[in-house]
PDB file of N, CA and C in Angstrom:
ATOM      1  N   MET A   1     -17.065  -8.577   4.713  1.00  0.00           N
ATOM      2  CA  MET A   1     -16.563  -7.637   3.742  1.00  0.00           C
ATOM      3  C   MET A   1     -15.037  -7.667   3.744  1.00  0.00           C
ATOM      4  N   SER A   2     -14.457  -7.756   2.582  1.00  0.00           N
ATOM      5  CA  SER A   2     -13.012  -7.735   2.415  1.00  0.00           C
ATOM      6  C   SER A   2     -12.479  -6.327   2.661  1.00  0.00           C
ATOM      7  N   VAL A   3     -11.264  -6.223   3.204  1.00  0.00           N
ATOM      8  CA  VAL A   3     -10.674  -4.898   3.413  1.00  0.00           C
ATOM      9  C   VAL A   3     -10.438  -4.186   2.089  1.00  0.00           C
ATOM     10  N   LEU A   4     -10.413  -4.932   0.990  1.00  0.00           N
ATOM     11  CA  LEU A   4     -10.195  -4.311  -0.312  1.00  0.00           C
ATOM     12  C   LEU A   4     -11.462  -3.704  -0.907  1.00  0.00           C
ATOM     13  N   GLU A   5     -12.614  -4.010  -0.346  1.00  0.00           N
ATOM     14  CA  GLU A   5     -13.864  -3.481  -0.887  1.00  0.00           C
ATOM     15  C   GLU A   5     -14.062  -2.009  -0.549  1.00  0.00           C
ATOM     16  N   ASN A   6     -13.472  -1.560   0.526  1.00  0.00           N
ATOM     17  CA  ASN A   6     -13.641  -0.185   0.981  1.00  0.00           C
ATOM     18  C   ASN A   6     -12.260   0.417   1.206  1.00  0.00           C
ATOM     19  N   PHE A   7     -11.959   1.526   0.528  1.00  0.00           N
ATOM     20  CA  PHE A   7     -10.616   2.100   0.604  1.00  0.00           C
ATOM     21  C   PHE A   7     -10.257   2.555   2.014  1.00  0.00           C
ATOM     22  N   GLU A   8     -11.214   3.094   2.750  1.00  0.00           N
ATOM     23  CA  GLU A   8     -10.939   3.519   4.127  1.00  0.00           C
ATOM     24  C   GLU A   8     -10.580   2.320   5.003  1.00  0.00           C
ATOM     25  N   LYS A   9     -11.287   1.206   4.810  1.00  0.00           N
ATOM     26  CA  LYS A   9     -10.965  -0.023   5.562  1.00  0.00           C
ATOM     27  C   LYS A   9      -9.565  -0.511   5.193  1.00  0.00           C
ATOM     28  N   TRP A  10      -9.224  -0.413   3.895  1.00  0.00           N
ATOM     29  CA  TRP A  10      -7.890  -0.831   3.439  1.00  0.00           C
ATOM     30  C   TRP A  10      -6.825   0.025   4.117  1.00  0.00           C
ATOM     31  N   LYS A  11      -7.046   1.340   4.176  1.00  0.00           N
ATOM     32  CA  LYS A  11      -6.071   2.215   4.813  1.00  0.00           C
ATOM     33  C   LYS A  11      -5.942   1.895   6.301  1.00  0.00           C
ATOM     34  N   GLU A  12      -7.041   1.620   6.980  1.00  0.00           N
ATOM     35  CA  GLU A  12      -6.994   1.247   8.401  1.00  0.00           C
ATOM     36  C   GLU A  12      -6.216  -0.054   8.584  1.00  0.00           C
ATOM     37  N   PHE A  13      -6.493  -1.023   7.720  1.00  0.00           N
ATOM     38  CA  PHE A  13      -5.799  -2.312   7.778  1.00  0.00           C
ATOM     39  C   PHE A  13      -4.298  -2.108   7.572  1.00  0.00           C
ATOM     40  N   LEU A  14      -3.939  -1.332   6.554  1.00  0.00           N
ATOM     41  CA  LEU A  14      -2.528  -1.083   6.272  1.00  0.00           C
ATOM     42  C   LEU A  14      -1.863  -0.326   7.415  1.00  0.00           C
ATOM     43  N   ALA A  15      -2.559   0.658   7.980  1.00  0.00           N
ATOM     44  CA  ALA A  15      -2.006   1.411   9.111  1.00  0.00           C
ATOM     45  C   ALA A  15      -1.732   0.492  10.300  1.00  0.00           C
ATOM     46  N   ASP A  16      -2.648  -0.417  10.579  1.00  0.00           N
ATOM     47  CA  ASP A  16      -2.449  -1.378  11.674  1.00  0.00           C
ATOM     48  C   ASP A  16      -1.206  -2.224  11.420  1.00  0.00           C
ATOM     49  N   ARG A  17      -1.033  -2.679  10.185  1.00  0.00           N
ATOM     50  CA  ARG A  17       0.124  -3.513   9.859  1.00  0.00           C
ATOM     51  C   ARG A  17       1.427  -2.728   9.953  1.00  0.00           C
ATOM     52  N   VAL A  18       1.400  -1.470   9.524  1.00  0.00           N
ATOM     53  CA  VAL A  18       2.594  -0.626   9.615  1.00  0.00           C
ATOM     54  C   VAL A  18       2.966  -0.424  11.079  1.00  0.00           C
ATOM     55  N   HIS A  19       1.985  -0.144  11.925  1.00  0.00           N
ATOM     56  CA  HIS A  19       2.275   0.067  13.352  1.00  0.00           C
ATOM     57  C   HIS A  19       2.773  -1.211  14.018  1.00  0.00           C
ATOM     58  N   GLN A  20       2.227  -2.358  13.623  1.00  0.00           N
ATOM     59  CA  GLN A  20       2.723  -3.628  14.149  1.00  0.00           C
ATOM     60  C   GLN A  20       4.177  -3.842  13.755  1.00  0.00           C
ATOM     61  N   ALA A  21       4.493  -3.558  12.503  1.00  0.00           N
ATOM     62  CA  ALA A  21       5.872  -3.730  12.021  1.00  0.00           C
ATOM     63  C   ALA A  21       6.829  -2.814  12.772  1.00  0.00           C
ATOM     64  N   GLU A  22       6.400  -1.577  13.017  1.00  0.00           N
ATOM     65  CA  GLU A  22       7.242  -0.640  13.770  1.00  0.00           C
ATOM     66  C   GLU A  22       7.474  -1.138  15.192  1.00  0.00           C
ATOM     67  N   LYS A  23       6.432  -1.683  15.830  1.00  0.00           N
ATOM     68  CA  LYS A  23       6.564  -2.199  17.193  1.00  0.00           C
ATOM     69  C   LYS A  23       7.506  -3.400  17.237  1.00  0.00           C
ATOM     70  N   MET A  24       7.571  -4.147  16.122  1.00  0.00           N
ATOM     71  CA  MET A  24       8.467  -5.304  16.050  1.00  0.00           C
ATOM     72  C   MET A  24       9.903  -4.888  15.745  1.00  0.00           C
ATOM     73  N   GLY A  25      10.113  -3.583  15.527  1.00  0.00           N
ATOM     74  CA  GLY A  25      11.456  -3.075  15.294  1.00  0.00           C
ATOM     75  C   GLY A  25      11.877  -2.990  13.838  1.00  0.00           C
ATOM     76  N   MET A  26      10.937  -3.165  12.914  1.00  0.00           N
ATOM     77  CA  MET A  26      11.294  -3.061  11.496  1.00  0.00           C
ATOM     78  C   MET A  26      11.608  -1.607  11.157  1.00  0.00           C
ATOM     79  N   SER A  27      12.604  -1.436  10.314  1.00  0.00           N
ATOM     80  CA  SER A  27      12.961  -0.094   9.864  1.00  0.00           C
ATOM     81  C   SER A  27      11.950   0.394   8.834  1.00  0.00           C
ATOM     82  N   ARG A  28      11.909   1.693   8.621  1.00  0.00           N
ATOM     83  CA  ARG A  28      11.010   2.264   7.619  1.00  0.00           C
ATOM     84  C   ARG A  28      11.381   1.754   6.225  1.00  0.00           C
ATOM     85  N   ASP A  29      12.673   1.560   5.964  1.00  0.00           N
ATOM     86  CA  ASP A  29      13.085   1.030   4.659  1.00  0.00           C
ATOM     87  C   ASP A  29      12.535  -0.379   4.435  1.00  0.00           C
ATOM     88  N   THR A  30      12.561  -1.202   5.463  1.00  0.00           N
ATOM     89  CA  THR A  30      12.023  -2.558   5.356  1.00  0.00           C
ATOM     90  C   THR A  30      10.512  -2.517   5.146  1.00  0.00           C
ATOM     91  N   ILE A  31       9.835  -1.665   5.880  1.00  0.00           N
ATOM     92  CA  ILE A  31       8.386  -1.527   5.741  1.00  0.00           C
ATOM     93  C   ILE A  31       8.038  -1.058   4.331  1.00  0.00           C
ATOM     94  N   ASN A  32       8.782  -0.081   3.821  1.00  0.00           N
ATOM     95  CA  ASN A  32       8.537   0.408   2.469  1.00  0.00           C
ATOM     96  C   ASN A  32       8.799  -0.677   1.424  1.00  0.00           C
ATOM     97  N   ASP A  33       9.817  -1.508   1.650  1.00  0.00           N
ATOM     98  CA  ASP A  33      10.102  -2.598   0.716  1.00  0.00           C
ATOM     99  C   ASP A  33       8.958  -3.614   0.705  1.00  0.00           C
ATOM    100  N   ILE A  34       8.434  -3.919   1.878  1.00  0.00           N
ATOM    101  CA  ILE A  34       7.295  -4.837   1.964  1.00  0.00           C
ATOM    102  C   ILE A  34       6.069  -4.214   1.293  1.00  0.00           C
ATOM    103  N   ALA A  35       5.867  -2.912   1.498  1.00  0.00           N
ATOM    104  CA  ALA A  35       4.748  -2.212   0.855  1.00  0.00           C
ATOM    105  C   ALA A  35       4.881  -2.282  -0.663  1.00  0.00           C
ATOM    106  N   TYR A  36       6.099  -2.154  -1.166  1.00  0.00           N
ATOM    107  CA  TYR A  36       6.338  -2.275  -2.613  1.00  0.00           C
ATOM    108  C   TYR A  36       5.958  -3.674  -3.100  1.00  0.00           C
ATOM    109  N   GLN A  37       6.381  -4.692  -2.366  1.00  0.00           N
ATOM    110  CA  GLN A  37       6.059  -6.068  -2.752  1.00  0.00           C
ATOM    111  C   GLN A  37       4.550  -6.308  -2.741  1.00  0.00           C
ATOM    112  N   ILE A  38       3.865  -5.787  -1.738  1.00  0.00           N
ATOM    113  CA  ILE A  38       2.407  -5.921  -1.665  1.00  0.00           C
ATOM    114  C   ILE A  38       1.756  -5.166  -2.818  1.00  0.00           C
ATOM    115  N   GLY A  39       2.230  -3.950  -3.077  1.00  0.00           N
ATOM    116  CA  GLY A  39       1.686  -3.173  -4.186  1.00  0.00           C
ATOM    117  C   GLY A  39       1.849  -3.887  -5.514  1.00  0.00           C
ATOM    118  N   ASP A  40       3.003  -4.504  -5.722  1.00  0.00           N
ATOM    119  CA  ASP A  40       3.247  -5.236  -6.958  1.00  0.00           C
ATOM    120  C   ASP A  40       2.313  -6.436  -7.067  1.00  0.00           C
ATOM    121  N   TYR A  41       2.143  -7.145  -5.974  1.00  0.00           N
ATOM    122  CA  TYR A  41       1.218  -8.284  -5.965  1.00  0.00           C
ATOM    123  C   TYR A  41      -0.208  -7.826  -6.283  1.00  0.00           C
ATOM    124  N   LEU A  42      -0.665  -6.787  -5.593  1.00  0.00           N
ATOM    125  CA  LEU A  42      -2.030  -6.302  -5.814  1.00  0.00           C
ATOM    126  C   LEU A  42      -2.225  -5.845  -7.261  1.00  0.00           C
ATOM    127  N   ALA A  43      -1.246  -5.129  -7.798  1.00  0.00           N
ATOM    128  CA  ALA A  43      -1.366  -4.620  -9.166  1.00  0.00           C
ATOM    129  C   ALA A  43      -1.403  -5.742 -10.191  1.00  0.00           C
ATOM    130  N   ASN A  44      -0.685  -6.817  -9.914  1.00  0.00           N
ATOM    131  CA  ASN A  44      -0.575  -7.906 -10.891  1.00  0.00           C
ATOM    132  C   ASN A  44      -1.605  -9.013 -10.713  1.00  0.00           C
ATOM    133  N   ASP A  45      -2.102  -9.204  -9.488  1.00  0.00           N
ATOM    134  CA  ASP A  45      -2.903 -10.398  -9.215  1.00  0.00           C
ATOM    135  C   ASP A  45      -4.285 -10.156  -8.608  1.00  0.00           C
ATOM    136  N   VAL A  46      -4.627  -8.913  -8.303  1.00  0.00           N
ATOM    137  CA  VAL A  46      -5.905  -8.644  -7.638  1.00  0.00           C
ATOM    138  C   VAL A  46      -6.676  -7.609  -8.449  1.00  0.00           C
ATOM    139  N   ASP A  47      -7.939  -7.927  -8.731  1.00  0.00           N
ATOM    140  CA  ASP A  47      -8.783  -6.999  -9.464  1.00  0.00           C
ATOM    141  C   ASP A  47      -9.251  -5.888  -8.522  1.00  0.00           C
ATOM    142  N   PRO A  48      -9.075  -4.618  -8.898  1.00  0.00           N
ATOM    143  CA  PRO A  48      -9.507  -3.511  -8.040  1.00  0.00           C
ATOM    144  C   PRO A  48     -11.002  -3.589  -7.734  1.00  0.00           C
ATOM    145  N   GLU A  49     -11.356  -3.243  -6.494  1.00  0.00           N
ATOM    146  CA  GLU A  49     -12.747  -3.319  -6.063  1.00  0.00           C
ATOM    147  C   GLU A  49     -13.378  -1.950  -5.852  1.00  0.00           C
ATOM    148  N   ASN A  50     -12.614  -0.881  -6.078  1.00  0.00           N
ATOM    149  CA  ASN A  50     -13.177   0.459  -5.964  1.00  0.00           C
ATOM    150  C   ASN A  50     -12.358   1.413  -6.832  1.00  0.00           C
ATOM    151  N   VAL A  51     -12.835   2.637  -6.975  1.00  0.00           N
ATOM    152  CA  VAL A  51     -12.178   3.579  -7.892  1.00  0.00           C
ATOM    153  C   VAL A  51     -10.770   3.962  -7.426  1.00  0.00           C
ATOM    154  N   GLN A  52     -10.552   4.032  -6.131  1.00  0.00           N
ATOM    155  CA  GLN A  52      -9.221   4.369  -5.629  1.00  0.00           C
ATOM    156  C   GLN A  52      -8.217   3.278  -5.990  1.00  0.00           C
ATOM    157  N   GLU A  53      -8.616   2.028  -5.820  1.00  0.00           N
ATOM    158  CA  GLU A  53      -7.734   0.920  -6.171  1.00  0.00           C
ATOM    159  C   GLU A  53      -7.481   0.882  -7.674  1.00  0.00           C
ATOM    160  N   ARG A  54      -8.504   1.189  -8.473  1.00  0.00           N
ATOM    161  CA  ARG A  54      -8.334   1.240  -9.931  1.00  0.00           C
ATOM    162  C   ARG A  54      -7.295   2.297 -10.302  1.00  0.00           C
ATOM    163  N   LEU A  55      -7.401   3.475  -9.684  1.00  0.00           N
ATOM    164  CA  LEU A  55      -6.440   4.538  -9.953  1.00  0.00           C
ATOM    165  C   LEU A  55      -5.028   4.108  -9.576  1.00  0.00           C
ATOM    166  N   LEU A  56      -4.874   3.527  -8.391  1.00  0.00           N
ATOM    167  CA  LEU A  56      -3.547   3.073  -7.965  1.00  0.00           C
ATOM    168  C   LEU A  56      -2.996   2.014  -8.923  1.00  0.00           C
ATOM    169  N   LYS A  57      -3.843   1.083  -9.347  1.00  0.00           N
ATOM    170  CA  LYS A  57      -3.395   0.043 -10.282  1.00  0.00           C
ATOM    171  C   LYS A  57      -2.970   0.663 -11.613  1.00  0.00           C
ATOM    172  N   ASP A  58      -3.757   1.613 -12.113  1.00  0.00           N
ATOM    173  CA  ASP A  58      -3.418   2.267 -13.378  1.00  0.00           C
ATOM    174  C   ASP A  58      -2.110   3.049 -13.265  1.00  0.00           C
ATOM    175  N   LEU A  59      -1.937   3.772 -12.162  1.00  0.00           N
ATOM    176  CA  LEU A  59      -0.680   4.498 -11.952  1.00  0.00           C
ATOM    177  C   LEU A  59       0.501   3.536 -11.848  1.00  0.00           C
ATOM    178  N   TRP A  60       0.305   2.447 -11.103  1.00  0.00           N
ATOM    179  CA  TRP A  60       1.361   1.444 -10.919  1.00  0.00           C
ATOM    180  C   TRP A  60       1.791   0.876 -12.270  1.00  0.00           C
ATOM    181  N   SER A  61       0.804   0.655 -13.146  1.00  0.00           N
ATOM    182  CA  SER A  61       1.102   0.008 -14.431  1.00  0.00           C
ATOM    183  C   SER A  61       1.934   0.888 -15.365  1.00  0.00           C
ATOM    184  N   VAL A  62       1.896   2.209 -15.185  1.00  0.00           N
ATOM    185  CA  VAL A  62       2.688   3.086 -16.055  1.00  0.00           C
ATOM    186  C   VAL A  62       3.975   3.563 -15.381  1.00  0.00           C
ATOM    187  N   ALA A  63       4.137   3.243 -14.109  1.00  0.00           N
ATOM    188  CA  ALA A  63       5.316   3.682 -13.357  1.00  0.00           C
ATOM    189  C   ALA A  63       6.475   2.712 -13.546  1.00  0.00           C
ATOM    190  N   ASP A  64       7.699   3.256 -13.491  1.00  0.00           N
ATOM    191  CA  ASP A  64       8.866   2.376 -13.457  1.00  0.00           C
ATOM    192  C   ASP A  64       9.066   1.924 -12.006  1.00  0.00           C
ATOM    193  N   GLU A  65      10.038   1.062 -11.773  1.00  0.00           N
ATOM    194  CA  GLU A  65      10.214   0.507 -10.423  1.00  0.00           C
ATOM    195  C   GLU A  65      10.472   1.595  -9.383  1.00  0.00           C
ATOM    196  N   ASN A  66      11.271   2.587  -9.713  1.00  0.00           N
ATOM    197  CA  ASN A  66      11.556   3.659  -8.768  1.00  0.00           C
ATOM    198  C   ASN A  66      10.282   4.413  -8.400  1.00  0.00           C
ATOM    199  N   GLU A  67       9.449   4.695  -9.389  1.00  0.00           N
ATOM    200  CA  GLU A  67       8.186   5.387  -9.126  1.00  0.00           C
ATOM    201  C   GLU A  67       7.235   4.508  -8.322  1.00  0.00           C
ATOM    202  N   GLN A  68       7.242   3.205  -8.594  1.00  0.00           N
ATOM    203  CA  GLN A  68       6.412   2.279  -7.818  1.00  0.00           C
ATOM    204  C   GLN A  68       6.856   2.260  -6.363  1.00  0.00           C
ATOM    205  N   ARG A  69       8.165   2.251  -6.139  1.00  0.00           N
ATOM    206  CA  ARG A  69       8.672   2.272  -4.765  1.00  0.00           C
ATOM    207  C   ARG A  69       8.281   3.582  -4.071  1.00  0.00           C
ATOM    208  N   THR A  70       8.279   4.676  -4.819  1.00  0.00           N
ATOM    209  CA  THR A  70       7.836   5.960  -4.267  1.00  0.00           C
ATOM    210  C   THR A  70       6.358   5.880  -3.898  1.00  0.00           C
ATOM    211  N   MET A  71       5.548   5.316  -4.774  1.00  0.00           N
ATOM    212  CA  MET A  71       4.120   5.166  -4.484  1.00  0.00           C
ATOM    213  C   MET A  71       3.904   4.332  -3.231  1.00  0.00           C
ATOM    214  N   ALA A  72       4.631   3.229  -3.107  1.00  0.00           N
ATOM    215  CA  ALA A  72       4.494   2.361  -1.932  1.00  0.00           C
ATOM    216  C   ALA A  72       4.874   3.124  -0.669  1.00  0.00           C
ATOM    217  N   GLY A  73       5.976   3.873  -0.732  1.00  0.00           N
ATOM    218  CA  GLY A  73       6.402   4.666   0.417  1.00  0.00           C
ATOM    219  C   GLY A  73       5.390   5.738   0.779  1.00  0.00           C
ATOM    220  N   LEU A  74       4.774   6.324  -0.237  1.00  0.00           N
ATOM    221  CA  LEU A  74       3.749   7.340   0.019  1.00  0.00           C
ATOM    222  C   LEU A  74       2.508   6.729   0.661  1.00  0.00           C
ATOM    223  N   MET A  75       2.143   5.532   0.254  1.00  0.00           N
ATOM    224  CA  MET A  75       0.995   4.859   0.900  1.00  0.00           C
ATOM    225  C   MET A  75       1.300   4.605   2.372  1.00  0.00           C
ATOM    226  N   VAL A  76       2.510   4.157   2.662  1.00  0.00           N
ATOM    227  CA  VAL A  76       2.902   3.937   4.062  1.00  0.00           C
ATOM    228  C   VAL A  76       2.839   5.259   4.824  1.00  0.00           C
ATOM    229  N   LYS A  77       3.376   6.305   4.227  1.00  0.00           N
ATOM    230  CA  LYS A  77       3.358   7.613   4.864  1.00  0.00           C
ATOM    231  C   LYS A  77       1.929   8.111   5.076  1.00  0.00           C
ATOM    232  N   LEU A  78       1.061   7.900   4.083  1.00  0.00           N
ATOM    233  CA  LEU A  78      -0.318   8.323   4.186  1.00  0.00           C
ATOM    234  C   LEU A  78      -1.022   7.650   5.359  1.00  0.00           C
ATOM    235  N   VAL A  79      -0.893   6.338   5.464  1.00  0.00           N
ATOM    236  CA  VAL A  79      -1.607   5.646   6.531  1.00  0.00           C
ATOM    237  C   VAL A  79      -0.960   5.879   7.885  1.00  0.00           C
ATOM    238  N   ASP A  80       0.349   6.122   7.884  1.00  0.00           N
ATOM    239  CA  ASP A  80       1.036   6.390   9.150  1.00  0.00           C
ATOM    240  C   ASP A  80       0.668   7.766   9.687  1.00  0.00           C
ATOM    241  N   SER A  81       0.296   8.684   8.792  1.00  0.00           N
ATOM    242  CA  SER A  81      -0.087  10.029   9.228  1.00  0.00           C
ATOM    243  C   SER A  81      -1.526  10.090   9.716  1.00  0.00           C
ATOM    244  N   GLY A  82      -2.300   9.033   9.441  1.00  0.00           N
ATOM    245  CA  GLY A  82      -3.686   8.990   9.894  1.00  0.00           C
ATOM    246  C   GLY A  82      -4.658   9.749   9.020  1.00  0.00           C
ATOM    247  N   LYS A  83      -4.231  10.153   7.829  1.00  0.00           N
ATOM    248  CA  LYS A  83      -5.128  10.907   6.924  1.00  0.00           C
ATOM    249  C   LYS A  83      -5.902   9.982   6.020  1.00  0.00           C
TER     250      LYS A  83
END
């Protein structure tokens, strides 16, 4: 099963990557920038596999770059908080 098939698995996967990046000494700004790049890739090149991903893709498509960066930062914050 792909981590994209289940939103909870995706959040766990992303949380693991965020914690790895923090352990490697990456700043939160760098992590958020990478999250933005991943979000842009997913929105443009990956078909959503669940309703949560569809919602995120739809929101991403109507957001300007600043709002997209906010969304990416919020995803990082969400998975870092463990919720």
